[in-house]
Amino acid sequence: MNTIVGRITQNAKINTLKNDKKVVNFSVAINDSYKTKQGERKEQTTYYNCSYWINAKIAEYLIKGTLVELSGRISSSAWIGKDGEIKSGLNFHTSNIKLHGGKQKYDNNNYPATNQQSVNDNPFADETDDDLPF
């Protein structure tokens, strides 16, 4: 099991599959920095396409800019794009989501709404349904 911490790059989307199973898709950016041999500081950003299968209700809390801590499994994928170029990406199959520092969620109209519930009282933290498709 791997753990990553990063910021959500766009609001989460819920996709419904043919069998009515729902998956929450979102992306996360992780910023890292290091010093070169010459002492120059370099910034590097890694992007992950994330999927969460356990509870679709979490999607309303996964809004752009929210800091999240994710546990799960990392995989990579490669494909040939419409332009004929080889593309690749990192995927994170999320089994646990911990929200950090955000108290907003999106209502049905996709406008920020105040969330009266504390982030520390995450309603999804105790989800133990292991019925994952992978």
C-alpha atoms as a PDB file:
ATOM      1  CA  MET A   1       0.000   0.000   0.000  1.00  0.00           C
ATOM      2  CA  ASN A   2       1.292   3.444  -0.953  1.00  0.00           C
ATOM      3  CA  THR A   3       0.424   6.843   0.501  1.00  0.00           C
ATOM      4  CA  ILE A   4       0.553  10.150  -1.370  1.00  0.00           C
ATOM      5  CA  VAL A   5      -0.309  13.700  -0.311  1.00  0.00           C
ATOM      6  CA  GLY A   6      -1.238  16.315  -2.868  1.00  0.00           C
ATOM      7  CA  ARG A   7      -3.790  18.852  -4.067  1.00  0.00           C
ATOM      8  CA  ILE A   8      -6.791  18.066  -6.216  1.00  0.00           C
ATOM      9  CA  THR A   9      -6.397  19.662  -9.665  1.00  0.00           C
ATOM     10  CA  GLN A  10     -10.073  19.646 -10.688  1.00  0.00           C
ATOM     11  CA  ASN A  11     -13.408  18.811  -9.059  1.00  0.00           C
ATOM     12  CA  ALA A  12     -14.106  15.080  -8.777  1.00  0.00           C
ATOM     13  CA  LYS A  13     -16.526  13.439 -11.198  1.00  0.00           C
ATOM     14  CA  ILE A  14     -18.727  10.423 -10.577  1.00  0.00           C
ATOM     15  CA  ASN A  15     -18.951   7.911 -13.418  1.00  0.00           C
ATOM     16  CA  THR A  16     -21.591   5.184 -13.421  1.00  0.00           C
ATOM     17  CA  LEU A  17     -20.646   1.913 -15.093  1.00  0.00           C
ATOM     18  CA  LYS A  18     -22.969  -0.473 -16.953  1.00  0.00           C
ATOM     19  CA  ASN A  19     -23.615  -2.497 -13.778  1.00  0.00           C
ATOM     20  CA  ASP A  20     -24.653   0.708 -11.906  1.00  0.00           C
ATOM     21  CA  LYS A  21     -21.394   0.622  -9.929  1.00  0.00           C
ATOM     22  CA  LYS A  22     -20.083   4.151  -9.293  1.00  0.00           C
ATOM     23  CA  VAL A  23     -16.485   5.320  -9.403  1.00  0.00           C
ATOM     24  CA  VAL A  24     -15.174   8.718  -8.335  1.00  0.00           C
ATOM     25  CA  ASN A  25     -12.466  10.053 -10.660  1.00  0.00           C
ATOM     26  CA  PHE A  26     -10.191  12.982  -9.828  1.00  0.00           C
ATOM     27  CA  SER A  27      -6.587  14.037 -10.297  1.00  0.00           C
ATOM     28  CA  VAL A  28      -3.958  15.024  -7.758  1.00  0.00           C
ATOM     29  CA  ALA A  29      -0.754  17.033  -8.159  1.00  0.00           C
ATOM     30  CA  ILE A  30       2.212  16.395  -5.891  1.00  0.00           C
ATOM     31  CA  ASN A  31       4.899  19.065  -5.706  1.00  0.00           C
ATOM     32  CA  ASP A  32       8.447  18.085  -4.892  1.00  0.00           C
ATOM     33  CA  SER A  33      11.683  20.032  -4.801  1.00  0.00           C
ATOM     34  CA  TYR A  34      15.336  19.107  -4.750  1.00  0.00           C
ATOM     35  CA  LYS A  35      18.766  20.719  -5.067  1.00  0.00           C
ATOM     36  CA  THR A  36      21.058  20.019  -7.988  1.00  0.00           C
ATOM     37  CA  LYS A  37      24.788  19.395  -7.568  1.00  0.00           C
ATOM     38  CA  GLN A  38      25.271  23.087  -8.327  1.00  0.00           C
ATOM     39  CA  GLY A  39      22.999  23.992  -5.391  1.00  0.00           C
ATOM     40  CA  GLU A  40      20.151  25.140  -7.623  1.00  0.00           C
ATOM     41  CA  ARG A  41      16.657  24.429  -6.299  1.00  0.00           C
ATOM     42  CA  LYS A  42      14.399  22.587  -8.772  1.00  0.00           C
ATOM     43  CA  GLU A  43      10.637  22.120  -8.549  1.00  0.00           C
ATOM     44  CA  GLN A  44       8.923  19.043  -9.949  1.00  0.00           C
ATOM     45  CA  THR A  45       5.203  18.238 -10.118  1.00  0.00           C
ATOM     46  CA  THR A  46       3.831  14.717 -10.545  1.00  0.00           C
ATOM     47  CA  TYR A  47       0.207  14.164 -11.538  1.00  0.00           C
ATOM     48  CA  TYR A  48      -1.896  11.109 -10.669  1.00  0.00           C
ATOM     49  CA  ASN A  49      -5.261  10.127 -12.126  1.00  0.00           C
ATOM     50  CA  CYS A  50      -7.166   8.762  -9.134  1.00  0.00           C
ATOM     51  CA  SER A  51     -10.146   6.445  -8.804  1.00  0.00           C
ATOM     52  CA  TYR A  52     -12.170   5.660  -5.679  1.00  0.00           C
ATOM     53  CA  TRP A  53     -14.809   2.895  -5.730  1.00  0.00           C
ATOM     54  CA  ILE A  54     -15.986   2.621  -2.126  1.00  0.00           C
ATOM     55  CA  ASN A  55     -18.417   5.529  -1.645  1.00  0.00           C
ATOM     56  CA  ALA A  56     -19.392   8.043  -4.347  1.00  0.00           C
ATOM     57  CA  LYS A  57     -20.627  10.575  -1.746  1.00  0.00           C
ATOM     58  CA  ILE A  58     -17.024  11.656  -1.118  1.00  0.00           C
ATOM     59  CA  ALA A  59     -17.019  13.382  -4.534  1.00  0.00           C
ATOM     60  CA  GLU A  60     -18.715  16.506  -3.155  1.00  0.00           C
ATOM     61  CA  TYR A  61     -15.698  17.077  -0.862  1.00  0.00           C
ATOM     62  CA  LEU A  62     -13.054  16.500  -3.545  1.00  0.00           C
ATOM     63  CA  ILE A  63     -12.865  19.993  -4.985  1.00  0.00           C
ATOM     64  CA  LYS A  64     -10.040  21.739  -6.790  1.00  0.00           C
ATOM     65  CA  GLY A  65      -7.295  22.866  -4.415  1.00  0.00           C
ATOM     66  CA  THR A  66      -8.206  20.559  -1.521  1.00  0.00           C
ATOM     67  CA  LEU A  67      -5.226  18.892   0.156  1.00  0.00           C
ATOM     68  CA  VAL A  68      -5.760  15.132   0.392  1.00  0.00           C
ATOM     69  CA  GLU A  69      -3.848  12.157   1.748  1.00  0.00           C
ATOM     70  CA  LEU A  70      -4.524   9.017  -0.256  1.00  0.00           C
ATOM     71  CA  SER A  71      -3.703   5.382   0.401  1.00  0.00           C
ATOM     72  CA  GLY A  72      -3.863   2.795  -2.326  1.00  0.00           C
ATOM     73  CA  ARG A  73      -2.087   1.220  -5.250  1.00  0.00           C
ATOM     74  CA  ILE A  74      -0.092   2.971  -7.981  1.00  0.00           C
ATOM     75  CA  SER A  75      -0.086   1.800 -11.579  1.00  0.00           C
ATOM     76  CA  SER A  76       1.014   3.260 -14.887  1.00  0.00           C
ATOM     77  CA  SER A  77      -0.559   3.222 -18.304  1.00  0.00           C
ATOM     78  CA  ALA A  78       0.577   3.991 -21.837  1.00  0.00           C
ATOM     79  CA  TRP A  79      -1.369   4.559 -25.039  1.00  0.00           C
ATOM     80  CA  ILE A  80      -1.114   6.132 -28.457  1.00  0.00           C
ATOM     81  CA  GLY A  81      -2.948   9.455 -28.634  1.00  0.00           C
ATOM     82  CA  LYS A  82      -5.104  10.723 -31.478  1.00  0.00           C
ATOM     83  CA  ASP A  83      -2.063  12.651 -32.680  1.00  0.00           C
ATOM     84  CA  GLY A  84      -0.116   9.376 -33.026  1.00  0.00           C
ATOM     85  CA  GLU A  85       2.209  10.240 -30.140  1.00  0.00           C
ATOM     86  CA  ILE A  86       2.890   7.832 -27.279  1.00  0.00           C
ATOM     87  CA  LYS A  87       1.266   9.038 -24.049  1.00  0.00           C
ATOM     88  CA  SER A  88       1.616   7.759 -20.494  1.00  0.00           C
ATOM     89  CA  GLY A  89       0.129   8.443 -17.102  1.00  0.00           C
ATOM     90  CA  LEU A  90       0.213   7.455 -13.455  1.00  0.00           C
ATOM     91  CA  ASN A  91      -2.908   6.044 -11.859  1.00  0.00           C
ATOM     92  CA  PHE A  92      -3.712   5.794  -8.167  1.00  0.00           C
ATOM     93  CA  HIS A  93      -6.368   3.254  -7.165  1.00  0.00           C
ATOM     94  CA  THR A  94      -7.456   4.844  -3.906  1.00  0.00           C
ATOM     95  CA  SER A  95      -8.714   2.776  -0.976  1.00  0.00           C
ATOM     96  CA  ASN A  96      -8.640   5.493   1.719  1.00  0.00           C
ATOM     97  CA  ILE A  97      -9.061   9.272   1.491  1.00  0.00           C
ATOM     98  CA  LYS A  98      -8.179  11.721   4.252  1.00  0.00           C
ATOM     99  CA  LEU A  99      -9.132  15.367   3.737  1.00  0.00           C
ATOM    100  CA  HIS A 100      -6.800  18.064   5.089  1.00  0.00           C
ATOM    101  CA  GLY A 101      -7.627  21.701   5.725  1.00  0.00           C
ATOM    102  CA  GLY A 102     -10.839  22.066   3.748  1.00  0.00           C
ATOM    103  CA  LYS A 103     -14.317  22.841   5.015  1.00  0.00           C
ATOM    104  CA  GLN A 104     -16.132  23.343   1.733  1.00  0.00           C
ATOM    105  CA  LYS A 105     -18.055  20.989  -0.426  1.00  0.00           C
ATOM    106  CA  TYR A 106     -19.935  21.450  -3.658  1.00  0.00           C
ATOM    107  CA  ASP A 107     -23.691  21.440  -3.571  1.00  0.00           C
ATOM    108  CA  ASN A 108     -25.847  20.109  -6.409  1.00  0.00           C
ATOM    109  CA  ASN A 109     -25.291  23.304  -8.409  1.00  0.00           C
ATOM    110  CA  ASN A 110     -21.484  22.958  -8.174  1.00  0.00           C
ATOM    111  CA  TYR A 111     -21.122  26.105  -6.075  1.00  0.00           C
ATOM    112  CA  PRO A 112     -19.119  26.020  -2.850  1.00  0.00           C
ATOM    113  CA  ALA A 113     -21.321  25.402   0.168  1.00  0.00           C
ATOM    114  CA  THR A 114     -20.349  25.603   3.820  1.00  0.00           C
ATOM    115  CA  ASN A 115     -19.815  22.226   5.407  1.00  0.00           C
ATOM    116  CA  GLN A 116     -20.751  22.234   9.080  1.00  0.00           C
ATOM    117  CA  GLN A 117     -18.975  18.938   9.674  1.00  0.00           C
ATOM    118  CA  SER A 118     -15.384  19.021  10.885  1.00  0.00           C
ATOM    119  CA  VAL A 119     -12.797  17.566   8.519  1.00  0.00           C
ATOM    120  CA  ASN A 120     -11.542  15.455  11.419  1.00  0.00           C
ATOM    121  CA  ASP A 121     -14.999  13.812  11.530  1.00  0.00           C
ATOM    122  CA  ASN A 122     -14.607  12.462   8.003  1.00  0.00           C
ATOM    123  CA  PRO A 123     -17.712  10.309   7.377  1.00  0.00           C
ATOM    124  CA  PHE A 124     -15.752   8.121   4.949  1.00  0.00           C
ATOM    125  CA  ALA A 125     -12.765   7.359   7.179  1.00  0.00           C
ATOM    126  CA  ASP A 126     -14.277   4.173   8.585  1.00  0.00           C
ATOM    127  CA  GLU A 127     -15.390   2.701   5.256  1.00  0.00           C
ATOM    128  CA  THR A 128     -14.133  -0.874   5.178  1.00  0.00           C
ATOM    129  CA  ASP A 129     -15.972  -2.244   2.148  1.00  0.00           C
ATOM    130  CA  ASP A 130     -13.314  -4.239   0.322  1.00  0.00           C
ATOM    131  CA  ASP A 131     -15.468  -4.896  -2.731  1.00  0.00           C
ATOM    132  CA  LEU A 132     -12.948  -3.283  -5.080  1.00  0.00           C
ATOM    133  CA  PRO A 133     -12.839  -4.242  -8.756  1.00  0.00           C
ATOM    134  CA  PHE A 134      -9.081  -4.792  -8.807  1.00  0.00           C
END
